Amino acid sequence: MKGGRMEVAHMEGRGKDKSVRVMWYGYPRPMGFAVFSNIEREYSRIFDDLRDGKPPGSEVVERTELPDLRALMIEYAKYRVKKEFREDQYVRKFYSLVPEINKSINLILEKVMTFGLITGISYNSDDPCRFFTNLEELDLPEDISSMMTQISSSVAGLCALRSSLTQFLSERVRILMPNTCRIAGEDLATELLFHAGSLRNLAMMPASSIQVLGAEKALFKHFVSGTPPPKHGILFHYKGLSSLPPRRRGRVARVIAGKIAIASRADLSGTTLDTDKMLGKIKETMNRK
């Protein structure tokens, strides 16, 4: 925008391109300024057309006052965020909470573990939630016991939230990515979605990118320092892959990544695949000597 005027060029037609210049927002007219009609109410449609590089279908009218472009662009930004925030983004955001909840539980466990050692209740790498439940039964002074009960109840709430989140994610990702879930399982499908950024991004990735998804640091180190390239990223969590000899994991991971690439594209388009044959191919590759 120069001097209160914005120019948008739209290229249309084949062969010899024709440039159409649309000058609006503050373009001087004899009695005022040229502005798209109803821009305050139809700003989303108008800006979408301009974003796509084509003139909006709104009439240019003459007005004595200019609309507040800054306020309109702020509202348009909100509209774009809401439009782009699809269901897969909710799954990604909820999934990002799980490691933070685990971190909070472990931090509290680290500080409170001493009370268990004093009274004979030790933590043996079992479920932290069970450990905090046992702490409520400690023989401590009344005021200390009351505080310990509050701490245990808070951790129990975090454990319940984690369980609810895990169940919610499993249910939603089965609806969102049914083919990918049948190939990789709900947990791995959620991880793939999280690292890819969106289902569309995952569907647009080639199998080679899916194979090393989650191993970006190792891949960068390979390009910079010449270290061996990573054979897999989060696909290491695929059932049975970690038990294979290291020299065979790369080939199997590539086959798995290829099937996930096909399944994610089918999920994006809303179609259903015969995943039994795909799973059979993966199993055949894993069992091949």
C-alpha atoms as a PDB file:
ATOM      1  CA  MET A   1       0.000   0.000   0.000  1.00  0.00           C
ATOM      2  CA  LYS A   2       1.523   3.325  -1.059  1.00  0.00           C
ATOM      3  CA  GLY A   3       0.096   6.689  -0.180  1.00  0.00           C
ATOM      4  CA  GLY A   4      -3.148   5.223   1.178  1.00  0.00           C
ATOM      5  CA  ARG A   5      -3.652   3.100  -1.941  1.00  0.00           C
ATOM      6  CA  MET A   6      -3.353  -0.680  -2.393  1.00  0.00           C
ATOM      7  CA  GLU A   7      -2.901  -2.263  -5.768  1.00  0.00           C
ATOM      8  CA  VAL A   8      -3.629  -5.947  -6.401  1.00  0.00           C
ATOM      9  CA  ALA A   9      -2.626  -7.592  -9.650  1.00  0.00           C
ATOM     10  CA  HIS A  10      -4.594 -10.610 -10.892  1.00  0.00           C
ATOM     11  CA  MET A  11      -3.149 -12.770 -13.658  1.00  0.00           C
ATOM     12  CA  GLU A  12      -5.734 -14.656 -15.678  1.00  0.00           C
ATOM     13  CA  GLY A  13      -6.017 -16.510 -18.975  1.00  0.00           C
ATOM     14  CA  ARG A  14      -3.564 -18.798 -20.723  1.00  0.00           C
ATOM     15  CA  GLY A  15      -0.883 -17.999 -23.176  1.00  0.00           C
ATOM     16  CA  LYS A  16      -0.316 -14.292 -23.054  1.00  0.00           C
ATOM     17  CA  ASP A  17      -1.023 -13.143 -19.499  1.00  0.00           C
ATOM     18  CA  LYS A  18      -3.310 -10.208 -18.923  1.00  0.00           C
ATOM     19  CA  SER A  19      -2.758  -8.060 -15.851  1.00  0.00           C
ATOM     20  CA  VAL A  20      -5.803  -6.591 -14.164  1.00  0.00           C
ATOM     21  CA  ARG A  21      -5.048  -3.848 -11.656  1.00  0.00           C
ATOM     22  CA  VAL A  22      -7.597  -3.351  -8.907  1.00  0.00           C
ATOM     23  CA  MET A  23      -7.048  -0.092  -7.058  1.00  0.00           C
ATOM     24  CA  TRP A  24      -9.205   0.383  -3.991  1.00  0.00           C
ATOM     25  CA  TYR A  25      -8.945   1.553  -0.382  1.00  0.00           C
ATOM     26  CA  GLY A  26      -8.229   5.201  -0.595  1.00  0.00           C
ATOM     27  CA  TYR A  27      -7.893   5.591  -4.305  1.00  0.00           C
ATOM     28  CA  PRO A  28      -8.874   9.226  -4.850  1.00  0.00           C
ATOM     29  CA  ARG A  29     -12.074  10.086  -6.658  1.00  0.00           C
ATOM     30  CA  PRO A  30     -13.532  13.522  -7.459  1.00  0.00           C
ATOM     31  CA  MET A  31     -15.930  13.443  -4.473  1.00  0.00           C
ATOM     32  CA  GLY A  32     -14.050  11.125  -2.079  1.00  0.00           C
ATOM     33  CA  PHE A  33     -12.362   7.734  -2.140  1.00  0.00           C
ATOM     34  CA  ALA A  34     -12.984   4.488  -4.012  1.00  0.00           C
ATOM     35  CA  VAL A  35     -13.738   1.624  -1.598  1.00  0.00           C
ATOM     36  CA  PHE A  36     -15.270  -1.829  -1.985  1.00  0.00           C
ATOM     37  CA  SER A  37     -18.926  -1.714  -0.988  1.00  0.00           C
ATOM     38  CA  ASN A  38     -19.897  -3.437   2.287  1.00  0.00           C
ATOM     39  CA  ILE A  39     -16.250  -4.039   3.144  1.00  0.00           C
ATOM     40  CA  GLU A  40     -17.025  -3.832   6.886  1.00  0.00           C
ATOM     41  CA  ARG A  41     -19.464  -6.771   6.622  1.00  0.00           C
ATOM     42  CA  GLU A  42     -17.871  -8.780   3.807  1.00  0.00           C
ATOM     43  CA  TYR A  43     -14.223  -8.247   4.652  1.00  0.00           C
ATOM     44  CA  SER A  44     -13.560 -12.012   4.938  1.00  0.00           C
ATOM     45  CA  ARG A  45     -14.775 -12.747   1.413  1.00  0.00           C
ATOM     46  CA  ILE A  46     -13.096  -9.694  -0.057  1.00  0.00           C
ATOM     47  CA  PHE A  47      -9.748 -10.401   1.622  1.00  0.00           C
ATOM     48  CA  ASP A  48      -9.950 -14.083   0.674  1.00  0.00           C
ATOM     49  CA  ASP A  49     -10.309 -13.103  -2.975  1.00  0.00           C
ATOM     50  CA  LEU A  50      -7.443 -10.647  -2.710  1.00  0.00           C
ATOM     51  CA  ARG A  51      -5.350 -13.309  -0.979  1.00  0.00           C
ATOM     52  CA  ASP A  52      -6.025 -15.672  -3.883  1.00  0.00           C
ATOM     53  CA  GLY A  53      -4.889 -12.998  -6.311  1.00  0.00           C
ATOM     54  CA  LYS A  54      -8.229 -12.214  -7.937  1.00  0.00           C
ATOM     55  CA  PRO A  55     -10.443  -9.131  -7.860  1.00  0.00           C
ATOM     56  CA  PRO A  56     -13.404  -9.454  -5.483  1.00  0.00           C
ATOM     57  CA  GLY A  57     -16.881  -9.493  -6.937  1.00  0.00           C
ATOM     58  CA  SER A  58     -17.871  -6.402  -4.965  1.00  0.00           C
ATOM     59  CA  GLU A  59     -18.708  -3.074  -6.515  1.00  0.00           C
ATOM     60  CA  VAL A  60     -16.285  -0.228  -5.958  1.00  0.00           C
ATOM     61  CA  VAL A  61     -18.195   2.737  -4.548  1.00  0.00           C
ATOM     62  CA  GLU A  62     -17.230   6.266  -3.700  1.00  0.00           C
ATOM     63  CA  ARG A  63     -17.112   7.253  -0.005  1.00  0.00           C
ATOM     64  CA  THR A  64     -16.100  10.401   1.783  1.00  0.00           C
ATOM     65  CA  GLU A  65     -14.447   8.488   4.673  1.00  0.00           C
ATOM     66  CA  LEU A  66     -12.037   5.574   4.644  1.00  0.00           C
ATOM     67  CA  PRO A  67     -12.709   2.378   6.623  1.00  0.00           C
ATOM     68  CA  ASP A  68     -10.227   1.400   9.336  1.00  0.00           C
ATOM     69  CA  LEU A  69      -7.994  -1.029   7.462  1.00  0.00           C
ATOM     70  CA  ARG A  70      -6.071  -1.983  10.613  1.00  0.00           C
ATOM     71  CA  ALA A  71      -9.237  -3.046  12.456  1.00  0.00           C
ATOM     72  CA  LEU A  72     -10.467  -4.975   9.421  1.00  0.00           C
ATOM     73  CA  MET A  73      -7.156  -6.830   9.079  1.00  0.00           C
ATOM     74  CA  ILE A  74      -7.214  -7.782  12.777  1.00  0.00           C
ATOM     75  CA  GLU A  75     -10.709  -9.218  12.386  1.00  0.00           C
ATOM     76  CA  TYR A  76      -9.614 -11.002   9.227  1.00  0.00           C
ATOM     77  CA  ALA A  77      -6.650 -12.528  11.075  1.00  0.00           C
ATOM     78  CA  LYS A  78      -9.033 -13.875  13.739  1.00  0.00           C
ATOM     79  CA  TYR A  79     -11.250 -15.268  11.005  1.00  0.00           C
ATOM     80  CA  ARG A  80      -8.294 -16.990   9.343  1.00  0.00           C
ATOM     81  CA  VAL A  81      -7.069 -18.540  12.609  1.00  0.00           C
ATOM     82  CA  LYS A  82     -10.535 -19.905  13.366  1.00  0.00           C
ATOM     83  CA  LYS A  83     -10.916 -21.189   9.808  1.00  0.00           C
ATOM     84  CA  GLU A  84      -7.558 -22.973   9.790  1.00  0.00           C
ATOM     85  CA  PHE A  85      -7.949 -24.428  13.310  1.00  0.00           C
ATOM     86  CA  ARG A  86      -9.540 -27.696  12.283  1.00  0.00           C
ATOM     87  CA  GLU A  87     -10.179 -30.789  14.386  1.00  0.00           C
ATOM     88  CA  ASP A  88      -6.680 -32.172  13.852  1.00  0.00           C
ATOM     89  CA  GLN A  89      -5.296 -29.047  15.527  1.00  0.00           C
ATOM     90  CA  TYR A  90      -7.359 -29.733  18.646  1.00  0.00           C
ATOM     91  CA  VAL A  91      -5.901 -33.240  18.731  1.00  0.00           C
ATOM     92  CA  ARG A  92      -2.376 -31.834  18.418  1.00  0.00           C
ATOM     93  CA  LYS A  93      -2.934 -29.292  21.194  1.00  0.00           C
ATOM     94  CA  PHE A  94      -4.423 -31.862  23.559  1.00  0.00           C
ATOM     95  CA  TYR A  95      -1.607 -34.297  22.765  1.00  0.00           C
ATOM     96  CA  SER A  96       0.994 -31.663  23.695  1.00  0.00           C
ATOM     97  CA  LEU A  97      -0.531 -31.536  27.198  1.00  0.00           C
ATOM     98  CA  VAL A  98       0.251 -35.179  27.990  1.00  0.00           C
ATOM     99  CA  PRO A  99       4.061 -34.815  28.357  1.00  0.00           C
ATOM    100  CA  GLU A 100       3.555 -31.650  30.414  1.00  0.00           C
ATOM    101  CA  ILE A 101       1.232 -33.517  32.794  1.00  0.00           C
ATOM    102  CA  ASN A 102       3.779 -36.329  33.069  1.00  0.00           C
ATOM    103  CA  LYS A 103       6.489 -33.791  33.795  1.00  0.00           C
ATOM    104  CA  SER A 104       4.410 -32.184  36.553  1.00  0.00           C
ATOM    105  CA  ILE A 105       3.664 -35.556  38.166  1.00  0.00           C
ATOM    106  CA  ASN A 106       7.338 -36.556  38.079  1.00  0.00           C
ATOM    107  CA  LEU A 107       8.479 -33.230  39.549  1.00  0.00           C
ATOM    108  CA  ILE A 108       6.061 -33.545  42.459  1.00  0.00           C
ATOM    109  CA  LEU A 109       7.095 -37.174  42.896  1.00  0.00           C
ATOM    110  CA  GLU A 110      10.747 -36.165  43.114  1.00  0.00           C
ATOM    111  CA  LYS A 111      10.034 -33.719  45.936  1.00  0.00           C
ATOM    112  CA  VAL A 112       7.623 -35.913  47.906  1.00  0.00           C
ATOM    113  CA  MET A 113       9.429 -39.240  47.551  1.00  0.00           C
ATOM    114  CA  THR A 114      11.365 -38.538  50.776  1.00  0.00           C
ATOM    115  CA  PHE A 115       8.204 -38.844  52.867  1.00  0.00           C
ATOM    116  CA  GLY A 116       7.726 -42.372  51.614  1.00  0.00           C
ATOM    117  CA  LEU A 117      11.317 -43.315  52.431  1.00  0.00           C
ATOM    118  CA  ILE A 118      10.951 -42.022  55.983  1.00  0.00           C
ATOM    119  CA  THR A 119       7.848 -44.084  56.675  1.00  0.00           C
ATOM    120  CA  GLY A 120       8.794 -47.195  54.701  1.00  0.00           C
ATOM    121  CA  ILE A 121       6.778 -46.642  51.508  1.00  0.00           C
ATOM    122  CA  SER A 122       9.262 -46.733  48.647  1.00  0.00           C
ATOM    123  CA  TYR A 123       8.807 -45.929  44.982  1.00  0.00           C
ATOM    124  CA  ASN A 124       9.967 -48.832  42.804  1.00  0.00           C
ATOM    125  CA  SER A 125       9.419 -47.386  39.316  1.00  0.00           C
ATOM    126  CA  ASP A 126       5.744 -48.296  39.456  1.00  0.00           C
ATOM    127  CA  ASP A 127       2.821 -45.998  38.692  1.00  0.00           C
ATOM    128  CA  PRO A 128       3.390 -42.615  40.423  1.00  0.00           C
ATOM    129  CA  CYS A 129      -0.361 -42.279  40.908  1.00  0.00           C
ATOM    130  CA  ARG A 130      -0.417 -45.463  42.991  1.00  0.00           C
ATOM    131  CA  PHE A 131       2.517 -44.178  45.058  1.00  0.00           C
ATOM    132  CA  PHE A 132       0.661 -40.968  45.920  1.00  0.00           C
ATOM    133  CA  THR A 133      -2.410 -42.979  46.889  1.00  0.00           C
ATOM    134  CA  ASN A 134      -0.286 -44.924  49.374  1.00  0.00           C
ATOM    135  CA  LEU A 135       1.066 -41.669  50.826  1.00  0.00           C
ATOM    136  CA  GLU A 136      -2.404 -40.796  52.080  1.00  0.00           C
ATOM    137  CA  GLU A 137      -2.150 -43.694  54.544  1.00  0.00           C
ATOM    138  CA  LEU A 138       1.076 -42.508  56.211  1.00  0.00           C
ATOM    139  CA  ASP A 139       1.191 -42.184  59.995  1.00  0.00           C
ATOM    140  CA  LEU A 140       2.091 -38.483  60.221  1.00  0.00           C
ATOM    141  CA  PRO A 141       1.058 -35.588  62.459  1.00  0.00           C
ATOM    142  CA  GLU A 142      -2.431 -34.361  61.703  1.00  0.00           C
ATOM    143  CA  ASP A 143      -1.476 -31.055  60.031  1.00  0.00           C
ATOM    144  CA  ILE A 144       1.217 -32.711  57.898  1.00  0.00           C
ATOM    145  CA  SER A 145      -1.121 -35.560  57.009  1.00  0.00           C
ATOM    146  CA  SER A 146      -3.759 -33.049  55.894  1.00  0.00           C
ATOM    147  CA  MET A 147      -1.290 -31.320  53.587  1.00  0.00           C
ATOM    148  CA  MET A 148      -0.105 -34.674  52.218  1.00  0.00           C
ATOM    149  CA  THR A 149      -3.708 -35.580  51.445  1.00  0.00           C
ATOM    150  CA  GLN A 150      -4.130 -32.354  49.477  1.00  0.00           C
ATOM    151  CA  ILE A 151      -0.951 -33.037  47.500  1.00  0.00           C
ATOM    152  CA  SER A 152      -2.037 -36.607  46.792  1.00  0.00           C
ATOM    153  CA  SER A 153      -5.486 -35.426  45.696  1.00  0.00           C
ATOM    154  CA  SER A 154      -3.932 -32.878  43.324  1.00  0.00           C
ATOM    155  CA  VAL A 155      -1.722 -35.518  41.727  1.00  0.00           C
ATOM    156  CA  ALA A 156      -4.711 -37.872  41.514  1.00  0.00           C
ATOM    157  CA  GLY A 157      -6.514 -35.133  39.586  1.00  0.00           C
ATOM    158  CA  LEU A 158      -3.580 -34.866  37.167  1.00  0.00           C
ATOM    159  CA  CYS A 159      -3.587 -38.645  36.737  1.00  0.00           C
ATOM    160  CA  ALA A 160      -7.316 -38.605  36.010  1.00  0.00           C
ATOM    161  CA  LEU A 161      -6.837 -35.774  33.510  1.00  0.00           C
ATOM    162  CA  ARG A 162      -4.071 -37.723  31.771  1.00  0.00           C
ATOM    163  CA  SER A 163      -6.286 -40.804  31.501  1.00  0.00           C
ATOM    164  CA  SER A 164      -9.168 -38.744  30.106  1.00  0.00           C
ATOM    165  CA  LEU A 165      -6.882 -37.060  27.581  1.00  0.00           C
ATOM    166  CA  THR A 166      -5.426 -40.386  26.457  1.00  0.00           C
ATOM    167  CA  GLN A 167      -8.880 -41.881  25.957  1.00  0.00           C
ATOM    168  CA  PHE A 168     -10.121 -38.754  24.166  1.00  0.00           C
ATOM    169  CA  LEU A 169      -7.109 -38.736  21.816  1.00  0.00           C
ATOM    170  CA  SER A 170      -7.554 -42.409  20.968  1.00  0.00           C
ATOM    171  CA  GLU A 171     -11.207 -41.901  20.113  1.00  0.00           C
ATOM    172  CA  ARG A 172     -10.723 -38.725  18.084  1.00  0.00           C
ATOM    173  CA  VAL A 173      -7.712 -39.924  16.115  1.00  0.00           C
ATOM    174  CA  ARG A 174      -9.610 -43.100  15.140  1.00  0.00           C
ATOM    175  CA  ILE A 175     -12.320 -40.885  13.665  1.00  0.00           C
ATOM    176  CA  LEU A 176      -9.889 -38.437  12.084  1.00  0.00           C
ATOM    177  CA  MET A 177      -7.328 -40.938  10.740  1.00  0.00           C
ATOM    178  CA  PRO A 178      -9.006 -44.387  10.552  1.00  0.00           C
ATOM    179  CA  ASN A 179      -6.720 -45.831   7.876  1.00  0.00           C
ATOM    180  CA  THR A 180      -3.535 -44.602   9.537  1.00  0.00           C
ATOM    181  CA  CYS A 181      -4.698 -45.943  12.911  1.00  0.00           C
ATOM    182  CA  ARG A 182      -5.252 -49.405  11.445  1.00  0.00           C
ATOM    183  CA  ILE A 183      -1.735 -49.327  10.013  1.00  0.00           C
ATOM    184  CA  ALA A 184       0.196 -47.733  12.889  1.00  0.00           C
ATOM    185  CA  GLY A 185      -2.110 -47.746  15.917  1.00  0.00           C
ATOM    186  CA  GLU A 186      -3.716 -44.796  17.704  1.00  0.00           C
ATOM    187  CA  ASP A 187      -0.652 -43.727  19.698  1.00  0.00           C
ATOM    188  CA  LEU A 188       1.746 -43.654  16.762  1.00  0.00           C
ATOM    189  CA  ALA A 189      -0.853 -42.013  14.511  1.00  0.00           C
ATOM    190  CA  THR A 190      -1.252 -39.231  17.081  1.00  0.00           C
ATOM    191  CA  GLU A 191       2.529 -38.790  17.248  1.00  0.00           C
ATOM    192  CA  LEU A 192       2.749 -38.585  13.460  1.00  0.00           C
ATOM    193  CA  LEU A 193      -0.008 -35.977  13.376  1.00  0.00           C
ATOM    194  CA  PHE A 194       1.694 -33.945  16.100  1.00  0.00           C
ATOM    195  CA  HIS A 195       5.112 -33.900  14.414  1.00  0.00           C
ATOM    196  CA  ALA A 196       3.695 -33.286  10.927  1.00  0.00           C
ATOM    197  CA  GLY A 197       1.697 -30.242  12.072  1.00  0.00           C
ATOM    198  CA  SER A 198      -1.592 -31.248  10.477  1.00  0.00           C
ATOM    199  CA  LEU A 199      -3.232 -34.098   8.625  1.00  0.00           C
ATOM    200  CA  ARG A 200      -2.830 -32.206   5.364  1.00  0.00           C
ATOM    201  CA  ASN A 201       0.901 -31.792   5.955  1.00  0.00           C
ATOM    202  CA  LEU A 202       1.242 -35.493   6.738  1.00  0.00           C
ATOM    203  CA  ALA A 203      -0.692 -36.449   3.621  1.00  0.00           C
ATOM    204  CA  MET A 204       1.506 -34.213   1.465  1.00  0.00           C
ATOM    205  CA  MET A 205       4.746 -35.747   2.783  1.00  0.00           C
ATOM    206  CA  PRO A 206       6.611 -38.345   0.751  1.00  0.00           C
ATOM    207  CA  ALA A 207       7.412 -41.646   2.431  1.00  0.00           C
ATOM    208  CA  SER A 208      11.056 -40.620   2.898  1.00  0.00           C
ATOM    209  CA  SER A 209       9.994 -37.628   5.022  1.00  0.00           C
ATOM    210  CA  ILE A 210       7.557 -39.692   7.095  1.00  0.00           C
ATOM    211  CA  GLN A 211      10.305 -42.238   7.705  1.00  0.00           C
ATOM    212  CA  VAL A 212      12.562 -39.697   9.469  1.00  0.00           C
ATOM    213  CA  LEU A 213       9.748 -37.656  11.042  1.00  0.00           C
ATOM    214  CA  GLY A 214      10.849 -36.903  14.592  1.00  0.00           C
ATOM    215  CA  ALA A 215      14.556 -37.346  13.783  1.00  0.00           C
ATOM    216  CA  GLU A 216      15.100 -33.833  12.486  1.00  0.00           C
ATOM    217  CA  LYS A 217      18.164 -33.199  14.682  1.00  0.00           C
ATOM    218  CA  ALA A 218      19.899 -36.370  13.507  1.00  0.00           C
ATOM    219  CA  LEU A 219      19.034 -35.547   9.890  1.00  0.00           C
ATOM    220  CA  PHE A 220      20.395 -32.012  10.258  1.00  0.00           C
ATOM    221  CA  LYS A 221      23.572 -33.397  11.824  1.00  0.00           C
ATOM    222  CA  HIS A 222      23.895 -35.773   8.871  1.00  0.00           C
ATOM    223  CA  PHE A 223      23.714 -32.897   6.393  1.00  0.00           C
ATOM    224  CA  VAL A 224      26.096 -30.667   8.359  1.00  0.00           C
ATOM    225  CA  SER A 225      28.628 -33.108   9.799  1.00  0.00           C
ATOM    226  CA  GLY A 226      28.303 -36.098   7.506  1.00  0.00           C
ATOM    227  CA  THR A 227      27.170 -38.494  10.219  1.00  0.00           C
ATOM    228  CA  PRO A 228      25.176 -41.590   9.159  1.00  0.00           C
ATOM    229  CA  PRO A 229      21.600 -40.654   8.212  1.00  0.00           C
ATOM    230  CA  PRO A 230      18.807 -41.701  10.575  1.00  0.00           C
ATOM    231  CA  LYS A 231      17.003 -44.905   9.615  1.00  0.00           C
ATOM    232  CA  HIS A 232      13.765 -43.830  11.312  1.00  0.00           C
ATOM    233  CA  GLY A 233      12.263 -41.279  13.658  1.00  0.00           C
ATOM    234  CA  ILE A 234       9.134 -41.878  15.691  1.00  0.00           C
ATOM    235  CA  LEU A 235       8.443 -44.947  13.533  1.00  0.00           C
ATOM    236  CA  PHE A 236      10.798 -46.664  15.977  1.00  0.00           C
ATOM    237  CA  HIS A 237       7.674 -46.975  18.168  1.00  0.00           C
ATOM    238  CA  TYR A 238       5.971 -49.157  15.537  1.00  0.00           C
ATOM    239  CA  LYS A 239       5.168 -52.526  17.061  1.00  0.00           C
ATOM    240  CA  GLY A 240       7.966 -55.003  16.370  1.00  0.00           C
ATOM    241  CA  LEU A 241      10.371 -52.574  14.699  1.00  0.00           C
ATOM    242  CA  SER A 242      12.599 -52.052  17.732  1.00  0.00           C
ATOM    243  CA  SER A 243      13.171 -55.806  18.092  1.00  0.00           C
ATOM    244  CA  LEU A 244      14.652 -56.101  14.607  1.00  0.00           C
ATOM    245  CA  PRO A 245      18.429 -56.019  14.012  1.00  0.00           C
ATOM    246  CA  PRO A 246      19.603 -52.426  13.395  1.00  0.00           C
ATOM    247  CA  ARG A 247      20.735 -53.241   9.834  1.00  0.00           C
ATOM    248  CA  ARG A 248      17.167 -54.273   8.875  1.00  0.00           C
ATOM    249  CA  ARG A 249      15.224 -51.444  10.533  1.00  0.00           C
ATOM    250  CA  GLY A 250      15.805 -48.929   7.755  1.00  0.00           C
ATOM    251  CA  ARG A 251      14.248 -51.061   5.025  1.00  0.00           C
ATOM    252  CA  VAL A 252      11.273 -52.030   7.186  1.00  0.00           C
ATOM    253  CA  ALA A 253      10.770 -48.410   8.304  1.00  0.00           C
ATOM    254  CA  ARG A 254      10.672 -47.329   4.658  1.00  0.00           C
ATOM    255  CA  VAL A 255       7.923 -49.865   3.880  1.00  0.00           C
ATOM    256  CA  ILE A 256       5.938 -48.738   6.936  1.00  0.00           C
ATOM    257  CA  ALA A 257       6.372 -45.085   5.942  1.00  0.00           C
ATOM    258  CA  GLY A 258       5.124 -45.840   2.431  1.00  0.00           C
ATOM    259  CA  LYS A 259       1.958 -47.482   3.739  1.00  0.00           C
ATOM    260  CA  ILE A 260       1.367 -44.625   6.199  1.00  0.00           C
ATOM    261  CA  ALA A 261       1.757 -42.109   3.361  1.00  0.00           C
ATOM    262  CA  ILE A 262      -0.965 -43.901   1.381  1.00  0.00           C
ATOM    263  CA  ALA A 263      -3.216 -44.250   4.440  1.00  0.00           C
ATOM    264  CA  SER A 264      -2.899 -40.571   5.441  1.00  0.00           C
ATOM    265  CA  ARG A 265      -3.848 -39.417   1.948  1.00  0.00           C
ATOM    266  CA  ALA A 266      -6.901 -41.650   2.076  1.00  0.00           C
ATOM    267  CA  ASP A 267      -7.774 -40.167   5.488  1.00  0.00           C
ATOM    268  CA  LEU A 268      -7.509 -36.663   4.087  1.00  0.00           C
ATOM    269  CA  SER A 269      -9.834 -37.498   1.201  1.00  0.00           C
ATOM    270  CA  GLY A 270     -12.239 -39.432   3.435  1.00  0.00           C
ATOM    271  CA  THR A 271     -11.888 -42.801   1.682  1.00  0.00           C
ATOM    272  CA  THR A 272     -11.421 -46.270   3.198  1.00  0.00           C
ATOM    273  CA  LEU A 273      -8.567 -48.579   2.241  1.00  0.00           C
ATOM    274  CA  ASP A 274      -8.052 -52.316   2.452  1.00  0.00           C
ATOM    275  CA  THR A 275      -5.467 -52.065   5.200  1.00  0.00           C
ATOM    276  CA  ASP A 276      -5.241 -55.848   5.702  1.00  0.00           C
ATOM    277  CA  LYS A 277      -3.153 -56.216   2.538  1.00  0.00           C
ATOM    278  CA  MET A 278      -0.951 -53.298   3.601  1.00  0.00           C
ATOM    279  CA  LEU A 279      -0.414 -54.801   7.051  1.00  0.00           C
ATOM    280  CA  GLY A 280       0.374 -58.132   5.393  1.00  0.00           C
ATOM    281  CA  LYS A 281       3.065 -56.466   3.275  1.00  0.00           C
ATOM    282  CA  ILE A 282       4.616 -54.869   6.379  1.00  0.00           C
ATOM    283  CA  LYS A 283       4.568 -58.182   8.252  1.00  0.00           C
ATOM    284  CA  GLU A 284       6.111 -59.973   5.279  1.00  0.00           C
ATOM    285  CA  THR A 285       8.946 -57.417   5.150  1.00  0.00           C
ATOM    286  CA  MET A 286       9.559 -57.688   8.895  1.00  0.00           C
ATOM    287  CA  ASN A 287       9.721 -61.513   8.754  1.00  0.00           C
ATOM    288  CA  ARG A 288      11.933 -61.620   5.657  1.00  0.00           C
ATOM    289  CA  LYS A 289      15.408 -62.997   6.355  1.00  0.00           C
END
